[in-house]
């Protein structure tokens, strides 16, 4: 299966699919953290290249409700971000998963199909992650663990905070590859 992982610099989801034998490519404006197939550029350049599945991680900077106090000052940025989400969700790809934290996508486009947590996939942390799905089943928990640490929310300010907060947990990436890699 040809898999596009849009807006991913880390290669975590890409590598989970590749490990199972899929032709997986990550794409981001940033270079990848890990060696592997990666398009460094705008996903719109390769969106129509005959993908079977896309897992998209659009930037949440202007969408996440955690930044609601700044919404009034970034209305155009929000409209642009929502238009990008619509483009991704409307791509001519049979199976699409778009992930984002709790955000205005829920009120401005549609509610998510599912909300998952890292602790459902082997990581003892909380980080509500919404999934908007097309042609894919909901992810089933693979390893529910104790512990509900709010590490991501409490992460100290730093120049790399955004980078660390945006990484997909390995357990979630593995569940995506295992469960969606065979989706028909």
Protein backbone atom coordinates (compact mmCIF):
# COMPACT_ATOMS: atom_id res chain seq x y z
CA UNK A 1 0.00 0.00 0.00
CA UNK A 2 1.22 3.53 -0.80
CA UNK A 3 1.03 5.61 2.37
CA UNK A 4 1.52 9.37 2.66
CA UNK A 5 2.18 10.73 6.13
CA UNK A 6 1.50 14.42 5.71
CA UNK A 7 3.00 17.10 7.95
CA UNK A 8 5.33 14.71 9.76
CA UNK A 9 9.01 15.54 10.25
CA UNK A 10 9.67 12.86 12.87
CA UNK A 11 9.18 9.80 10.65
CA UNK A 12 7.51 7.89 13.51
CA UNK A 13 4.27 7.06 11.65
CA UNK A 14 6.06 6.62 8.31
CA UNK A 15 8.48 4.11 9.83
CA UNK A 16 5.67 2.15 11.54
CA UNK A 17 4.04 1.59 8.13
CA UNK A 18 7.35 0.91 6.38
CA UNK A 19 8.26 -1.70 9.02
CA UNK A 20 5.16 -3.65 7.91
CA UNK A 21 6.20 -3.52 4.25
CA UNK A 22 4.21 -0.52 3.04
CA UNK A 23 5.59 2.07 0.62
CA UNK A 24 5.42 4.92 3.14
CA UNK A 25 6.62 8.50 2.62
CA UNK A 26 6.58 11.34 5.12
CA UNK A 27 6.19 14.93 4.00
CA UNK A 28 6.82 18.17 5.83
CA UNK A 29 8.24 21.62 5.26
CA UNK A 30 10.99 20.58 7.68
CA UNK A 31 13.59 17.90 6.98
CA UNK A 32 13.00 14.56 8.67
CA UNK A 33 14.58 13.55 11.98
CA UNK A 34 15.19 9.98 10.78
CA UNK A 35 16.54 8.59 7.56
CA UNK A 36 13.84 7.29 5.26
CA UNK A 37 11.62 8.36 2.38
CA UNK A 38 10.72 12.00 3.02
CA UNK A 39 9.52 14.81 0.80
CA UNK A 40 10.75 18.11 2.22
CA UNK A 41 8.22 20.57 0.84
CA UNK A 42 4.53 21.40 0.61
CA UNK A 43 2.26 18.35 0.75
CA UNK A 44 0.10 19.93 -1.96
CA UNK A 45 2.95 19.18 -4.39
CA UNK A 46 2.49 15.41 -3.97
CA UNK A 47 -1.11 15.06 -2.74
CA UNK A 48 -2.38 13.73 -6.07
CA UNK A 49 0.38 11.11 -6.55
CA UNK A 50 -1.85 8.04 -6.25
CA UNK A 51 -1.80 7.34 -2.52
CA UNK A 52 -3.90 4.54 -0.97
CA UNK A 53 -3.84 6.01 2.53
CA UNK A 54 -2.92 9.34 4.08
CA UNK A 55 -2.31 10.02 7.75
CA UNK A 56 -2.22 13.81 8.11
CA UNK A 57 -0.94 15.85 11.03
CA UNK A 58 -1.73 19.46 10.03
CA UNK A 59 -0.14 22.13 12.23
CA UNK A 60 -2.34 22.92 15.23
CA UNK A 61 -0.85 26.36 15.96
CA UNK A 62 -3.95 28.27 14.84
CA UNK A 63 -6.49 25.50 15.52
CA UNK A 64 -5.97 24.03 19.01
CA UNK A 65 -8.32 25.26 21.71
CA UNK A 66 -5.32 25.43 24.07
CA UNK A 67 -4.53 28.71 22.28
CA UNK A 68 -8.09 30.09 22.43
CA UNK A 69 -7.02 33.26 24.23
CA UNK A 70 -5.23 34.35 21.02
CA UNK A 71 -8.02 33.43 18.58
CA UNK A 72 -9.32 36.99 18.23
CA UNK A 73 -5.92 38.13 16.94
CA UNK A 74 -5.43 35.36 14.39
CA UNK A 75 -8.67 35.06 12.46
CA UNK A 76 -7.05 35.00 9.01
CA UNK A 77 -4.48 32.44 10.15
CA UNK A 78 -7.33 30.29 11.45
CA UNK A 79 -9.23 30.52 8.17
CA UNK A 80 -6.08 29.54 6.26
CA UNK A 81 -5.46 26.60 8.63
CA UNK A 82 -9.08 25.42 8.30
CA UNK A 83 -8.86 25.64 4.51
CA UNK A 84 -5.74 23.46 4.63
CA UNK A 85 -7.60 20.91 6.79
CA UNK A 86 -10.49 20.90 4.29
CA UNK A 87 -8.02 20.33 1.46
CA UNK A 88 -6.48 17.36 3.27
CA UNK A 89 -9.84 15.83 4.24
CA UNK A 90 -11.14 16.30 0.70
CA UNK A 91 -8.09 14.80 -1.03
CA UNK A 92 -8.76 12.15 -3.66
CA UNK A 93 -7.32 9.40 -1.45
CA UNK A 94 -9.59 6.50 -0.48
CA UNK A 95 -8.47 6.25 3.15
CA UNK A 96 -7.64 9.31 5.25
CA UNK A 97 -6.92 9.89 8.93
CA UNK A 98 -6.39 13.45 10.08
CA UNK A 99 -5.17 13.94 13.64
CA UNK A 100 -5.13 17.07 15.75
CA UNK A 101 -5.63 17.99 19.39
CA UNK A 102 -9.01 19.25 20.53
CA UNK A 103 -9.50 22.15 18.14
CA UNK A 104 -11.86 24.37 16.22
CA UNK A 105 -11.99 21.75 13.47
CA UNK A 106 -14.74 20.18 15.62
CA UNK A 107 -16.98 23.24 15.40
CA UNK A 108 -15.97 24.72 12.07
CA UNK A 109 -15.75 21.57 9.90
CA UNK A 110 -17.09 18.55 11.80
CA UNK A 111 -16.72 16.65 15.02
CA UNK A 112 -13.96 14.02 15.16
CA UNK A 113 -14.83 10.38 14.63
CA UNK A 114 -12.72 9.37 17.61
CA UNK A 115 -10.65 10.78 20.47
CA UNK A 116 -7.73 8.64 21.63
CA UNK A 117 -5.23 8.85 24.48
CA UNK A 118 -1.61 7.61 24.68
CA UNK A 119 -2.47 5.45 27.73
CA UNK A 120 -4.68 3.33 25.45
CA UNK A 121 -1.59 2.40 23.41
CA UNK A 122 1.07 1.64 26.02
CA UNK A 123 2.11 5.11 27.20
CA UNK A 124 1.10 6.21 30.71
CA UNK A 125 0.29 9.76 29.68
CA UNK A 126 -2.64 11.91 28.69
CA UNK A 127 -2.87 13.84 25.45
CA UNK A 128 -6.33 13.88 23.90
CA UNK A 129 -5.90 13.36 20.18
CA UNK A 130 -8.83 13.71 17.80
CA UNK A 131 -9.10 11.61 14.65
CA UNK A 132 -11.18 12.51 11.61
CA UNK A 133 -11.51 9.38 9.48
CA UNK A 134 -12.48 8.58 5.89
CA UNK A 135 -12.66 4.95 4.80
CA UNK A 136 -10.92 3.76 7.96
CA UNK A 137 -12.13 2.04 11.13
CA UNK A 138 -11.66 3.60 14.54
CA UNK A 139 -8.39 2.66 16.22
CA UNK A 140 -8.80 -0.04 18.83
CA UNK A 141 -6.73 0.29 22.02
CA UNK A 142 -3.76 -2.08 22.00
CA UNK A 143 -2.31 -1.79 25.50
CA UNK A 144 -4.23 0.13 28.17
CA UNK A 145 -1.80 1.10 30.93
CA UNK A 146 -2.05 2.71 34.33
CA UNK A 147 -0.80 6.19 34.85
CA UNK A 148 -2.29 9.36 33.57
CA UNK A 149 0.67 11.74 33.59
CA UNK A 150 0.05 15.08 31.90
CA UNK A 151 3.67 15.36 30.70
CA UNK A 152 2.96 17.07 27.37
CA UNK A 153 0.80 19.79 28.93
CA UNK A 154 3.31 20.42 31.72
CA UNK A 155 6.38 20.45 29.48
CA UNK A 156 8.65 23.36 30.36
CA UNK A 157 9.00 26.18 27.85
CA UNK A 158 11.91 25.73 25.48
CA UNK A 159 12.79 26.38 21.84
CA UNK A 160 12.00 22.72 21.02
CA UNK A 161 8.78 22.42 23.06
CA UNK A 162 6.58 22.55 19.94
CA UNK A 163 8.70 19.83 18.31
CA UNK A 164 8.41 17.45 21.26
CA UNK A 165 4.68 18.12 21.71
CA UNK A 166 3.96 17.30 18.07
CA UNK A 167 5.57 13.84 18.00
CA UNK A 168 3.26 10.86 17.62
CA UNK A 169 3.63 8.25 20.36
CA UNK A 170 5.16 5.02 19.04
CA UNK A 171 2.28 2.90 20.35
CA UNK A 172 -0.23 5.01 18.44
CA UNK A 173 1.87 4.90 15.27
CA UNK A 174 2.17 1.11 15.53
CA UNK A 175 -1.60 0.77 16.03
CA UNK A 176 -2.24 2.94 12.96
CA UNK A 177 0.09 0.83 10.82
CA UNK A 178 -1.21 -2.50 12.10
CA UNK A 179 -4.92 -1.63 12.04
CA UNK A 180 -5.08 0.66 9.02
CA UNK A 181 -2.39 -1.00 6.94
CA UNK A 182 -4.83 -3.79 6.11
CA UNK A 183 -7.95 -1.59 5.82
CA UNK A 184 -9.90 -2.18 2.63
